Amino acid sequence: MSSLVKTMVVPLTTLLLVGFTSQGKPIEIMPEADECATCTMAISNVPLSAELILSNRTVAKFDDIGCMVAYWKQKRIRESQVQGAWVHDLKTKNWLAVSKATFAKSTYPTPMRYGILAFAKPEDVKTLDAKYKAKVVTWSSLVTGK
């Protein structure tokens, strides 16, 4: 391999790997371009979206947290297979690791009407309008049904 090719291949390979790995963070959602891995709808409401990256480098993006729950159940995902799982905090709209989120099941109109919301702080669930009938649930109960 010529030295010119080597000098071009290494940076290009590095660029590709950085662009397609999570580096411990979610890969940003591209509204209307990314589609949900469960329902195949275009992801348009990014603050209600979710993302899952598996250790085999599978990246699954979801338009609704409930779609991620459905995918998790359907694929029988085990914690040991997960490199990262993220949702958006409803209050700040920032990414939040599933392990740090407080979840609420509600009647809130999420894209696929699952009504599952995530919050960075447990007390933020109480700030949701009472008409949405939010009830705190755990991630484990969502993905196991128990």
Protein backbone atom coordinates (compact mmCIF):
# COMPACT_ATOMS: atom_id res chain seq x y z
CA MET A 1 0.00 0.00 0.00
CA SER A 2 1.44 3.37 -0.93
CA SER A 3 2.13 5.92 1.77
CA LEU A 4 -0.41 8.29 0.21
CA VAL A 5 -3.15 5.66 0.45
CA LYS A 6 -2.14 4.86 4.05
CA THR A 7 -2.32 8.52 5.04
CA MET A 8 -5.80 8.78 3.57
CA VAL A 9 -7.21 5.43 4.77
CA VAL A 10 -6.39 5.83 8.48
CA PRO A 11 -8.08 9.24 8.94
CA LEU A 12 -11.05 8.15 6.82
CA THR A 13 -11.48 4.95 8.84
CA THR A 14 -11.24 6.93 12.08
CA LEU A 15 -13.82 9.42 10.82
CA LEU A 16 -16.21 6.62 9.87
CA LEU A 17 -15.84 4.88 13.23
CA VAL A 18 -16.38 8.08 15.18
CA GLY A 19 -19.42 8.93 13.07
CA PHE A 20 -21.06 5.57 13.59
CA THR A 21 -20.30 4.80 17.23
CA SER A 22 -22.01 6.26 20.23
CA GLN A 23 -18.91 7.13 22.26
CA GLY A 24 -21.15 6.59 25.30
CA LYS A 25 -23.76 9.00 23.97
CA PRO A 26 -26.78 8.64 21.72
CA ILE A 27 -26.47 9.33 18.03
CA GLU A 28 -28.53 12.41 17.30
CA ILE A 29 -31.92 11.92 15.70
CA MET A 30 -32.34 13.41 12.23
CA PRO A 31 -35.99 14.54 12.16
CA GLU A 32 -38.02 13.20 9.26
CA ALA A 33 -34.95 11.29 7.96
CA ASP A 34 -34.70 8.71 10.77
CA GLU A 35 -37.49 6.21 11.16
CA CYS A 36 -38.71 4.24 14.13
CA ALA A 37 -37.30 0.71 14.40
CA THR A 38 -40.67 -0.56 15.61
CA CYS A 39 -43.43 1.24 13.73
CA THR A 40 -41.32 2.59 10.81
CA MET A 41 -42.82 6.08 11.10
CA ALA A 42 -40.52 9.02 10.46
CA ILE A 43 -39.31 10.48 13.74
CA SER A 44 -40.67 14.01 13.82
CA ASN A 45 -41.15 14.77 17.53
CA VAL A 46 -37.55 14.44 18.73
CA PRO A 47 -38.27 15.38 22.39
CA LEU A 48 -40.41 12.24 22.69
CA SER A 49 -37.98 9.92 20.86
CA ALA A 50 -35.68 7.24 22.24
CA GLU A 51 -32.60 5.33 21.15
CA LEU A 52 -31.03 1.96 21.84
CA ILE A 53 -27.51 0.88 20.91
CA LEU A 54 -26.69 -2.79 21.34
CA SER A 55 -23.26 -4.27 21.94
CA ASN A 56 -23.35 -5.74 18.41
CA ARG A 57 -23.48 -2.08 17.19
CA THR A 58 -27.13 -2.21 16.19
CA VAL A 59 -28.59 1.28 16.50
CA ALA A 60 -32.35 1.46 16.88
CA LYS A 61 -34.15 4.80 17.00
CA PHE A 62 -37.76 5.20 18.11
CA ASP A 63 -40.42 7.87 17.69
CA ASP A 64 -42.00 6.94 21.04
CA ILE A 65 -40.55 5.47 24.25
CA GLY A 66 -43.32 2.86 24.02
CA CYS A 67 -41.92 1.74 20.66
CA MET A 68 -38.56 1.13 22.35
CA VAL A 69 -40.33 -0.88 25.06
CA ALA A 70 -42.13 -2.94 22.39
CA TYR A 71 -38.85 -3.53 20.50
CA TRP A 72 -37.09 -4.52 23.74
CA LYS A 73 -39.79 -7.10 24.45
CA GLN A 74 -40.05 -8.39 20.89
CA LYS A 75 -36.29 -8.84 20.52
CA ARG A 76 -35.99 -10.16 24.10
CA ILE A 77 -33.20 -7.69 24.83
CA ARG A 78 -31.09 -8.48 27.87
CA GLU A 79 -29.22 -5.80 29.83
CA SER A 80 -25.94 -7.51 28.89
CA GLN A 81 -26.68 -6.77 25.21
CA VAL A 82 -27.16 -3.04 25.74
CA GLN A 83 -24.37 -0.58 25.11
CA GLY A 84 -26.68 2.38 25.74
CA ALA A 85 -30.35 3.26 25.98
CA TRP A 86 -31.60 6.84 26.06
CA VAL A 87 -34.81 8.80 26.27
CA HIS A 88 -35.53 12.51 26.42
CA ASP A 89 -36.39 14.29 29.65
CA LEU A 90 -39.84 15.76 28.97
CA LYS A 91 -39.02 18.90 30.94
CA THR A 92 -35.59 19.84 29.48
CA LYS A 93 -35.78 17.88 26.19
CA ASN A 94 -32.20 16.67 26.86
CA TRP A 95 -31.04 13.10 26.36
CA LEU A 96 -31.16 11.00 29.50
CA ALA A 97 -29.84 7.48 30.07
CA VAL A 98 -32.67 5.04 30.77
CA SER A 99 -30.83 4.02 33.95
CA LYS A 100 -31.15 7.59 35.29
CA ALA A 101 -34.71 8.30 34.17
CA THR A 102 -37.95 8.27 36.10
CA PHE A 103 -40.76 6.95 33.91
CA ALA A 104 -44.45 7.74 33.98
CA LYS A 105 -47.28 5.93 32.24
CA SER A 106 -49.93 8.47 31.30
CA THR A 107 -52.56 9.53 28.81
CA TYR A 108 -50.16 12.14 27.37
CA PRO A 109 -50.41 12.13 23.54
CA THR A 110 -47.07 10.60 22.55
CA PRO A 111 -46.59 9.85 18.83
CA MET A 112 -47.85 6.24 19.02
CA ARG A 113 -50.10 6.90 22.04
CA TYR A 114 -48.17 4.71 24.48
CA GLY A 115 -48.15 7.65 26.89
CA ILE A 116 -44.78 6.72 28.41
CA LEU A 117 -42.79 9.76 29.48
CA ALA A 118 -39.33 10.20 31.01
CA PHE A 119 -38.09 12.70 33.55
CA ALA A 120 -34.66 13.45 35.01
CA LYS A 121 -36.14 14.10 38.44
CA PRO A 122 -38.91 12.06 40.10
CA GLU A 123 -40.58 15.24 41.37
CA ASP A 124 -40.99 16.48 37.78
CA VAL A 125 -43.69 13.84 37.22
CA LYS A 126 -45.88 15.84 39.61
CA THR A 127 -45.57 18.92 37.37
CA LEU A 128 -47.42 17.15 34.56
CA ASP A 129 -51.02 18.32 34.26
CA ALA A 130 -53.36 16.09 36.32
CA LYS A 131 -55.50 15.46 33.24
CA TYR A 132 -52.75 13.11 31.94
CA LYS A 133 -53.13 10.79 34.95
CA ALA A 134 -49.40 10.08 35.20
CA LYS A 135 -48.34 7.13 37.29
CA VAL A 136 -44.65 6.48 38.07
CA VAL A 137 -43.39 3.15 36.73
CA THR A 138 -39.98 1.52 36.51
CA TRP A 139 -38.12 0.67 33.33
CA SER A 140 -38.03 -2.94 34.47
CA SER A 141 -41.82 -3.07 34.83
CA LEU A 142 -42.22 -1.57 31.36
CA VAL A 143 -39.99 -4.10 29.60
CA THR A 144 -41.04 -7.16 31.62
CA GLY A 145 -44.71 -6.33 32.12
CA LYS A 146 -44.33 -7.05 35.84
